[in-house]
Amino acid sequence: MIIFAILFILPLYWMFSLSLKDAMQAAGQPWAIPNGLHFENFAGAWNRIDIPNLVKNSFIYTAGSVLLCLLLSVMVAYAITRMRMKHSDSIRLYFTIGMLVPIAVMMIPVYRLVMTLGLKGTSWSLILPYAAFTMASAILMICAFFRSIPIEMEEAAAIDGCNVYRTFISIMVPMVKPALFTQGMMIYITNWNEYALASILAMGEDMRSIPLALDLFFGQFDLTNWGEVGAAVAITSLPVILVFMFCNKQIEQAMAGSSGLK
């Protein structure tokens, strides 16, 4: 456990210590303790790559894909597990297979589809693919939660006069909130750091996401100022780190709570 903790902490230490070093120490002593606090690296990184616009773009892509994915996934999962569909097992297998398809295989078809639908240059060109590529895992996880809920709860709701829509919205969805919350955080972290699709679909500087801009920032100058690079990475990683820090306990409770459903 200690080894895993060290492996997790080392990249964070390297990132934040690099952001506080001058250009000479950052290039020659990347793992050394900073000999001073060079906060000008943060100002330089902020001005060079327009971080406010990058954070805004990444938030739109990530939040939009999370909401769309969870909305569609919870409805599909409920239909598969509770509607007694004839081919529900085959549909679930289809989503399982979808998880095994690499994004690289789908990049050209997705690009052509985005062009065909006229989504070029819009936020939907990334929101829709992001939601689609994360739906398979979300559906399977929510299906597992739905299957753990006793059918008697729906039968009792039907006796009380609830139709299928009221039962779904008022009873079933609240009971799978742990799955929705956990999956939402996982999708958020995944899509915030996504690079492959953004590299072909984010057209123009005003649409760039954080990973794409950082990649361009690395090769922007012949002599890279690694202090500014570390500052840029630290600033753009902060939203993910904060979400993980404040939501870690909730995610653990959500995962533990799923075992209590019988």
Protein backbone atom coordinates (compact mmCIF):
# COMPACT_ATOMS: atom_id res chain seq x y z
CA MET A 1 0.00 0.00 0.00
CA ILE A 2 2.84 2.38 0.87
CA ILE A 3 4.49 1.70 -2.49
CA PHE A 4 1.29 2.56 -4.35
CA ALA A 5 0.94 5.75 -2.30
CA ILE A 6 4.50 6.78 -3.18
CA LEU A 7 3.90 6.06 -6.88
CA PHE A 8 0.81 8.27 -6.73
CA ILE A 9 2.46 11.12 -4.82
CA LEU A 10 5.70 11.31 -6.84
CA PRO A 11 4.13 12.75 -10.04
CA LEU A 12 2.26 15.33 -7.97
CA TYR A 13 5.46 16.31 -6.15
CA TRP A 14 7.34 16.56 -9.45
CA MET A 15 4.62 18.70 -11.00
CA PHE A 16 4.27 21.21 -8.15
CA SER A 17 8.00 21.40 -7.38
CA LEU A 18 8.77 21.96 -11.07
CA SER A 19 6.28 24.81 -11.21
CA LEU A 20 8.16 26.66 -8.44
CA LYS A 21 11.66 26.39 -9.97
CA ASP A 22 13.43 28.79 -12.26
CA ALA A 23 14.20 27.66 -15.81
CA MET A 24 17.79 26.61 -15.02
CA GLN A 25 16.98 24.46 -11.97
CA ALA A 26 13.90 22.98 -13.64
CA ALA A 27 16.00 21.80 -16.59
CA GLY A 28 19.01 20.61 -14.60
CA GLN A 29 17.51 19.41 -11.31
CA PRO A 30 13.91 18.33 -11.98
CA TRP A 31 13.61 16.24 -8.79
CA ALA A 32 15.42 18.61 -6.42
CA ILE A 33 13.67 20.77 -3.84
CA PRO A 34 13.00 24.26 -5.31
CA ASN A 35 15.67 26.79 -4.32
CA GLY A 36 13.01 29.50 -4.31
CA LEU A 37 9.33 30.14 -4.94
CA HIS A 38 9.11 31.34 -8.53
CA PHE A 39 5.41 32.13 -8.81
CA GLU A 40 6.09 34.02 -12.02
CA ASN A 41 5.91 30.63 -13.74
CA PHE A 42 2.17 30.57 -13.09
CA ALA A 43 1.71 34.05 -14.54
CA GLY A 44 3.75 33.10 -17.60
CA ALA A 45 1.80 29.91 -18.20
CA TRP A 46 -1.52 31.69 -17.62
CA ASN A 47 -0.72 34.31 -20.27
CA ARG A 48 0.88 32.04 -22.87
CA ILE A 49 -1.85 29.44 -23.36
CA ASP A 50 -5.05 31.31 -22.37
CA ILE A 51 -5.89 29.01 -19.47
CA PRO A 52 -9.33 30.55 -18.69
CA ASN A 53 -10.58 29.69 -22.19
CA LEU A 54 -9.09 26.19 -21.98
CA VAL A 55 -10.75 25.51 -18.63
CA LYS A 56 -14.06 26.80 -19.98
CA ASN A 57 -13.85 24.54 -23.06
CA SER A 58 -12.85 21.47 -21.08
CA PHE A 59 -15.64 22.10 -18.56
CA ILE A 60 -18.25 22.39 -21.33
CA TYR A 61 -17.07 19.19 -23.03
CA THR A 62 -16.79 17.28 -19.76
CA ALA A 63 -19.96 18.46 -18.03
CA GLY A 64 -22.03 18.09 -21.19
CA SER A 65 -20.81 14.56 -21.83
CA VAL A 66 -21.32 13.52 -18.19
CA LEU A 67 -24.93 14.74 -18.10
CA LEU A 68 -25.81 13.27 -21.50
CA CYS A 69 -24.13 9.94 -20.77
CA LEU A 70 -25.79 9.48 -17.38
CA LEU A 71 -29.22 10.54 -18.67
CA LEU A 72 -29.15 8.03 -21.51
CA SER A 73 -27.37 5.29 -19.56
CA VAL A 74 -29.84 5.17 -16.67
CA MET A 75 -32.77 4.87 -19.08
CA VAL A 76 -31.11 2.16 -21.16
CA ALA A 77 -30.03 0.24 -18.05
CA TYR A 78 -33.55 0.35 -16.63
CA ALA A 79 -35.02 -0.89 -19.91
CA ILE A 80 -32.53 -3.76 -20.10
CA THR A 81 -32.95 -4.96 -16.52
CA ARG A 82 -36.63 -4.22 -15.75
CA MET A 83 -38.61 -4.16 -18.99
CA ARG A 84 -38.30 -7.91 -19.63
CA MET A 85 -37.04 -7.27 -23.14
CA LYS A 86 -36.61 -10.33 -25.34
CA HIS A 87 -33.02 -9.62 -26.30
CA SER A 88 -31.83 -7.85 -23.15
CA ASP A 89 -28.89 -10.22 -22.68
CA SER A 90 -27.78 -9.68 -26.28
CA ILE A 91 -28.01 -5.91 -25.85
CA ARG A 92 -25.94 -6.06 -22.67
CA LEU A 93 -23.35 -8.18 -24.51
CA TYR A 94 -23.27 -5.58 -27.27
CA PHE A 95 -22.34 -2.86 -24.78
CA THR A 96 -19.72 -5.14 -23.21
CA ILE A 97 -18.10 -5.65 -26.60
CA GLY A 98 -18.21 -1.89 -27.14
CA MET A 99 -15.92 -1.41 -24.16
CA LEU A 100 -13.25 -3.50 -25.90
CA VAL A 101 -13.08 -1.37 -29.06
CA PRO A 102 -10.09 1.04 -28.94
CA ILE A 103 -10.79 4.70 -29.58
CA ALA A 104 -8.07 4.73 -32.25
CA VAL A 105 -10.12 2.32 -34.36
CA MET A 106 -13.14 4.64 -34.24
CA MET A 107 -11.42 7.98 -34.80
CA ILE A 108 -11.88 8.19 -38.58
CA PRO A 109 -15.53 6.99 -38.55
CA VAL A 110 -16.32 9.45 -35.73
CA TYR A 111 -14.62 12.29 -37.62
CA ARG A 112 -16.60 11.57 -40.79
CA LEU A 113 -19.83 11.30 -38.81
CA VAL A 114 -19.21 14.67 -37.15
CA MET A 115 -18.60 16.23 -40.56
CA THR A 116 -21.72 14.61 -42.03
CA LEU A 117 -23.93 15.86 -39.19
CA GLY A 118 -22.61 19.39 -39.59
CA LEU A 119 -21.21 19.57 -36.06
CA LYS A 120 -17.82 20.90 -37.14
CA GLY A 121 -16.73 23.82 -35.00
CA THR A 122 -19.32 23.24 -32.27
CA SER A 123 -19.05 21.90 -28.73
CA TRP A 124 -21.31 18.99 -29.72
CA SER A 125 -18.51 17.61 -31.90
CA LEU A 126 -16.79 16.51 -28.68
CA ILE A 127 -19.71 16.20 -26.24
CA LEU A 128 -21.51 13.54 -28.31
CA PRO A 129 -18.45 11.29 -28.94
CA TYR A 130 -17.33 11.61 -25.32
CA ALA A 131 -20.78 10.57 -24.10
CA ALA A 132 -20.96 7.70 -26.59
CA PHE A 133 -17.57 6.25 -25.68
CA THR A 134 -18.33 6.25 -21.94
CA MET A 135 -21.89 4.94 -22.15
CA ALA A 136 -20.97 1.25 -22.27
CA SER A 137 -19.26 1.16 -18.87
CA ALA A 138 -21.94 3.41 -17.34
CA ILE A 139 -24.78 1.18 -18.58
CA LEU A 140 -23.15 -1.99 -17.27
CA MET A 141 -22.50 -0.46 -13.84
CA ILE A 142 -26.02 0.92 -13.50
CA CYS A 143 -27.44 -2.41 -14.69
CA ALA A 144 -25.64 -4.10 -11.80
CA PHE A 145 -27.28 -1.69 -9.35
CA PHE A 146 -30.75 -2.16 -10.84
CA ARG A 147 -30.42 -5.95 -10.66
CA SER A 148 -29.62 -5.71 -6.95
CA ILE A 149 -32.89 -3.87 -6.18
CA PRO A 150 -35.73 -6.23 -5.17
CA ILE A 151 -38.55 -6.42 -7.70
CA GLU A 152 -41.00 -6.16 -4.80
CA MET A 153 -40.32 -2.43 -4.59
CA GLU A 154 -41.69 -1.88 -8.08
CA GLU A 155 -44.63 -4.16 -7.37
CA ALA A 156 -45.45 -2.16 -4.24
CA ALA A 157 -45.23 1.07 -6.24
CA ALA A 158 -47.61 -0.37 -8.85
CA ILE A 159 -50.10 -1.30 -6.10
CA ASP A 160 -49.92 2.29 -4.84
CA GLY A 161 -50.87 3.53 -8.31
CA CYS A 162 -47.49 4.49 -9.76
CA ASN A 163 -47.07 3.97 -13.49
CA VAL A 164 -43.76 2.86 -14.96
CA TYR A 165 -42.53 6.43 -15.48
CA ARG A 166 -43.32 7.52 -11.92
CA THR A 167 -41.73 4.35 -10.57
CA PHE A 168 -38.59 4.97 -12.61
CA ILE A 169 -38.20 8.64 -11.68
CA SER A 170 -39.34 8.60 -8.04
CA ILE A 171 -38.14 5.20 -6.84
CA MET A 172 -35.56 3.56 -9.09
CA VAL A 173 -33.38 6.54 -10.02
CA PRO A 174 -32.90 7.69 -6.39
CA MET A 175 -31.84 4.16 -5.45
CA VAL A 176 -29.06 4.10 -8.05
CA LYS A 177 -27.70 7.55 -7.15
CA PRO A 178 -24.48 5.96 -5.84
CA ALA A 179 -23.85 4.42 -9.26
CA LEU A 180 -24.69 7.67 -11.05
CA PHE A 181 -22.41 9.68 -8.77
CA THR A 182 -19.49 7.26 -9.03
CA GLN A 183 -19.79 6.85 -12.77
CA GLY A 184 -20.15 10.60 -13.21
CA MET A 185 -16.86 11.22 -11.41
CA MET A 186 -15.10 8.56 -13.49
CA ILE A 187 -16.44 10.03 -16.73
CA TYR A 188 -15.47 13.52 -15.59
CA ILE A 189 -11.85 12.53 -14.94
CA THR A 190 -11.61 10.48 -18.15
CA ASN A 191 -13.02 13.15 -20.46
CA TRP A 192 -11.15 16.01 -18.78
CA ASN A 193 -7.87 14.31 -19.71
CA GLU A 194 -8.95 12.99 -23.14
CA TYR A 195 -6.56 13.83 -25.98
CA ALA A 196 -7.07 11.55 -29.01
CA LEU A 197 -10.52 12.73 -30.09
CA ALA A 198 -9.80 16.34 -29.18
CA SER A 199 -6.78 16.31 -31.49
CA ILE A 200 -8.98 15.73 -34.55
CA LEU A 201 -12.31 17.28 -33.53
CA ALA A 202 -11.32 20.47 -31.66
CA MET A 203 -10.83 22.70 -34.69
CA GLY A 204 -9.39 26.14 -34.05
CA GLU A 205 -7.74 27.76 -31.06
CA ASP A 206 -11.06 28.77 -29.50
CA MET A 207 -12.11 25.09 -29.24
CA ARG A 208 -8.95 23.58 -27.79
CA SER A 209 -9.19 21.52 -24.63
CA ILE A 210 -6.56 21.46 -21.91
CA PRO A 211 -4.65 18.29 -22.97
CA LEU A 212 -4.43 19.50 -26.57
CA ALA A 213 -3.19 22.95 -25.57
CA LEU A 214 -0.57 21.50 -23.21
CA ASP A 215 0.78 19.29 -25.99
CA LEU A 216 1.12 22.32 -28.27
CA PHE A 217 2.66 24.31 -25.42
CA PHE A 218 5.47 21.77 -25.01
CA GLY A 219 6.69 22.35 -28.57
CA GLN A 220 5.94 26.05 -28.79
CA PHE A 221 9.48 27.22 -28.07
CA ASP A 222 12.90 25.91 -29.05
CA LEU A 223 14.07 26.20 -25.44
CA THR A 224 11.28 24.92 -23.21
CA ASN A 225 10.81 26.66 -19.87
CA TRP A 226 9.99 23.60 -17.79
CA GLY A 227 9.02 25.77 -14.84
CA GLU A 228 6.19 27.26 -16.88
CA VAL A 229 5.30 23.81 -18.19
CA GLY A 230 4.99 22.53 -14.62
CA ALA A 231 2.89 25.56 -13.69
CA ALA A 232 0.58 25.02 -16.67
CA VAL A 233 0.11 21.35 -15.79
CA ALA A 234 -0.50 22.22 -12.12
CA ILE A 235 -3.14 24.84 -12.93
CA THR A 236 -5.01 22.67 -15.42
CA SER A 237 -4.85 19.60 -13.17
CA LEU A 238 -6.26 21.44 -10.18
CA PRO A 239 -9.97 20.93 -11.05
CA VAL A 240 -9.53 17.16 -11.29
CA ILE A 241 -7.46 17.01 -8.09
CA LEU A 242 -10.02 19.06 -6.16
CA VAL A 243 -12.92 16.94 -7.38
CA PHE A 244 -11.09 13.78 -6.37
CA MET A 245 -10.14 15.17 -2.96
CA PHE A 246 -13.62 16.39 -2.04
CA CYS A 247 -15.56 13.52 -3.61
CA ASN A 248 -13.29 10.61 -2.69
CA LYS A 249 -15.23 9.79 0.49
CA GLN A 250 -18.55 10.00 -1.35
CA ILE A 251 -17.31 7.64 -4.04
CA GLU A 252 -16.13 5.13 -1.43
CA GLN A 253 -19.47 5.35 0.38
CA ALA A 254 -21.32 4.93 -2.90
CA MET A 255 -19.36 1.81 -3.80
CA ALA A 256 -19.80 0.40 -0.29
CA GLY A 257 -23.50 1.26 -0.33
CA SER A 258 -24.06 -0.81 -3.45
CA SER A 259 -23.19 -3.95 -1.50
CA GLY A 260 -26.02 -3.18 0.91
CA LEU A 261 -28.69 -3.47 -1.78
CA LYS A 262 -30.33 -6.84 -1.71
